[in-house]
C-alpha atoms as a PDB file:
ATOM      1  CA  UNK A   1       0.203  -0.183  -0.013  1.00  0.00           C
ATOM      2  CA  UNK A   2       1.674   3.102  -0.998  1.00  0.00           C
ATOM      3  CA  UNK A   3       0.369   6.802   0.436  1.00  0.00           C
ATOM      4  CA  UNK A   4       0.150   9.404  -2.344  1.00  0.00           C
ATOM      5  CA  UNK A   5      -0.164  13.032  -1.931  1.00  0.00           C
ATOM      6  CA  UNK A   6      -1.518  15.524  -4.271  1.00  0.00           C
ATOM      7  CA  UNK A   7      -0.259  18.941  -2.816  1.00  0.00           C
ATOM      8  CA  UNK A   8       3.045  19.340  -0.806  1.00  0.00           C
ATOM      9  CA  UNK A   9       3.320  19.400   2.729  1.00  0.00           C
ATOM     10  CA  UNK A  10       2.935  22.608   4.259  1.00  0.00           C
ATOM     11  CA  UNK A  11       5.927  24.105   5.697  1.00  0.00           C
ATOM     12  CA  UNK A  12       5.751  26.699   8.509  1.00  0.00           C
ATOM     13  CA  UNK A  13       8.442  29.235   9.034  1.00  0.00           C
ATOM     14  CA  UNK A  14       9.006  30.570  12.531  1.00  0.00           C
ATOM     15  CA  UNK A  15      10.007  34.046  13.416  1.00  0.00           C
ATOM     16  CA  UNK A  16      11.328  35.281  16.639  1.00  0.00           C
ATOM     17  CA  UNK A  17      10.763  38.774  17.919  1.00  0.00           C
ATOM     18  CA  UNK A  18      13.347  40.092  20.002  1.00  0.00           C
ATOM     19  CA  UNK A  19      12.384  39.193  23.106  1.00  0.00           C
ATOM     20  CA  UNK A  20      12.299  35.561  21.874  1.00  0.00           C
ATOM     21  CA  UNK A  21      15.733  36.316  20.328  1.00  0.00           C
ATOM     22  CA  UNK A  22      17.338  37.548  23.792  1.00  0.00           C
ATOM     23  CA  UNK A  23      15.528  34.233  25.721  1.00  0.00           C
ATOM     24  CA  UNK A  24      17.034  32.264  22.889  1.00  0.00           C
ATOM     25  CA  UNK A  25      20.313  33.474  23.106  1.00  0.00           C
ATOM     26  CA  UNK A  26      20.474  33.374  27.113  1.00  0.00           C
ATOM     27  CA  UNK A  27      19.255  29.839  27.144  1.00  0.00           C
ATOM     28  CA  UNK A  28      21.792  28.811  24.456  1.00  0.00           C
ATOM     29  CA  UNK A  29      24.819  30.683  26.124  1.00  0.00           C
ATOM     30  CA  UNK A  30      24.313  29.015  29.528  1.00  0.00           C
ATOM     31  CA  UNK A  31      23.709  25.674  27.798  1.00  0.00           C
ATOM     32  CA  UNK A  32      27.034  25.836  25.666  1.00  0.00           C
ATOM     33  CA  UNK A  33      28.850  27.059  28.967  1.00  0.00           C
ATOM     34  CA  UNK A  34      27.563  24.089  30.779  1.00  0.00           C
ATOM     35  CA  UNK A  35      28.386  21.536  28.143  1.00  0.00           C
ATOM     36  CA  UNK A  36      31.979  23.407  27.683  1.00  0.00           C
ATOM     37  CA  UNK A  37      32.452  23.049  31.282  1.00  0.00           C
ATOM     38  CA  UNK A  38      31.162  19.529  31.263  1.00  0.00           C
ATOM     39  CA  UNK A  39      33.862  18.420  28.257  1.00  0.00           C
ATOM     40  CA  UNK A  40      36.685  20.003  30.126  1.00  0.00           C
ATOM     41  CA  UNK A  41      36.277  17.982  33.141  1.00  0.00           C
ATOM     42  CA  UNK A  42      35.434  14.829  31.467  1.00  0.00           C
ATOM     43  CA  UNK A  43      38.628  15.618  29.260  1.00  0.00           C
ATOM     44  CA  UNK A  44      40.612  15.916  32.453  1.00  0.00           C
ATOM     45  CA  UNK A  45      39.275  12.790  34.384  1.00  0.00           C
ATOM     46  CA  UNK A  46      40.076  10.864  31.063  1.00  0.00           C
ATOM     47  CA  UNK A  47      43.575  12.281  30.781  1.00  0.00           C
ATOM     48  CA  UNK A  48      44.344  11.176  34.788  1.00  0.00           C
ATOM     49  CA  UNK A  49      42.782   7.675  33.477  1.00  0.00           C
ATOM     50  CA  UNK A  50      45.194   7.411  30.821  1.00  0.00           C
ATOM     51  CA  UNK A  51      48.068   8.486  33.222  1.00  0.00           C
ATOM     52  CA  UNK A  52      47.009   6.184  36.033  1.00  0.00           C
ATOM     53  CA  UNK A  53      46.868   3.341  33.091  1.00  0.00           C
ATOM     54  CA  UNK A  54      50.235   3.958  32.045  1.00  0.00           C
ATOM     55  CA  UNK A  55      51.859   3.906  35.273  1.00  0.00           C
ATOM     56  CA  UNK A  56      50.081   0.582  35.507  1.00  0.00           C
ATOM     57  CA  UNK A  57      51.256  -0.536  32.360  1.00  0.00           C
ATOM     58  CA  UNK A  58      54.856   0.743  33.274  1.00  0.00           C
ATOM     59  CA  UNK A  59      54.852  -1.228  36.311  1.00  0.00           C
ATOM     60  CA  UNK A  60      53.649  -4.410  34.890  1.00  0.00           C
ATOM     61  CA  UNK A  61      56.692  -3.962  32.235  1.00  0.00           C
ATOM     62  CA  UNK A  62      59.001  -3.259  34.694  1.00  0.00           C
ATOM     63  CA  UNK A  63      58.100  -6.413  37.049  1.00  0.00           C
ATOM     64  CA  UNK A  64      58.130  -8.689  33.849  1.00  0.00           C
ATOM     65  CA  UNK A  65      61.786  -7.409  33.044  1.00  0.00           C
ATOM     66  CA  UNK A  66      62.576  -8.555  36.862  1.00  0.00           C
ATOM     67  CA  UNK A  67      61.053 -11.603  36.429  1.00  0.00           C
ATOM     68  CA  UNK A  68      63.000 -12.021  33.226  1.00  0.00           C
ATOM     69  CA  UNK A  69      66.096 -11.646  34.722  1.00  0.00           C
ATOM     70  CA  UNK A  70      65.247 -13.950  37.512  1.00  0.00           C
ATOM     71  CA  UNK A  71      64.458 -16.759  35.150  1.00  0.00           C
ATOM     72  CA  UNK A  72      67.564 -15.885  32.871  1.00  0.00           C
ATOM     73  CA  UNK A  73      69.609 -16.036  36.017  1.00  0.00           C
ATOM     74  CA  UNK A  74      68.304 -19.228  37.276  1.00  0.00           C
ATOM     75  CA  UNK A  75      68.625 -20.996  34.181  1.00  0.00           C
ATOM     76  CA  UNK A  76      72.363 -20.086  33.721  1.00  0.00           C
ATOM     77  CA  UNK A  77      72.905 -21.093  36.853  1.00  0.00           C
ATOM     78  CA  UNK A  78      71.151 -23.777  37.442  1.00  0.00           C
ATOM     79  CA  UNK A  79      68.795 -23.402  39.918  1.00  0.00           C
ATOM     80  CA  UNK A  80      65.344 -24.591  39.980  1.00  0.00           C
ATOM     81  CA  UNK A  81      63.134 -21.273  40.637  1.00  0.00           C
ATOM     82  CA  UNK A  82      59.762 -23.446  40.242  1.00  0.00           C
ATOM     83  CA  UNK A  83      60.635 -25.865  43.093  1.00  0.00           C
ATOM     84  CA  UNK A  84      62.070 -22.483  45.156  1.00  0.00           C
ATOM     85  CA  UNK A  85      58.311 -21.172  44.709  1.00  0.00           C
ATOM     86  CA  UNK A  86      56.374 -24.202  45.622  1.00  0.00           C
ATOM     87  CA  UNK A  87      58.557 -24.709  48.696  1.00  0.00           C
ATOM     88  CA  UNK A  88      57.603 -21.734  50.310  1.00  0.00           C
ATOM     89  CA  UNK A  89      53.790 -22.179  49.339  1.00  0.00           C
ATOM     90  CA  UNK A  90      53.379 -25.195  51.201  1.00  0.00           C
ATOM     91  CA  UNK A  91      53.259 -23.906  54.768  1.00  0.00           C
END
């Protein structure tokens, strides 16, 4: 089923008087200011979280490097490091 219209749709054009324009200007200005402030706060929180994540990643990489050095040391000196870990957990 198709709808067929014989006349073009009616379009209303809004016009604002000076009082309306002043009111709209005030609303838009406040709204834009609020959004800019919230944007700045959200961006700051995002950057803080990003810095925190980078710090955590750096710590993970640092610990992994230390673990690799321990593993290499144990292999080079024929030290069974897995047994030493298990012995400490048998308490």
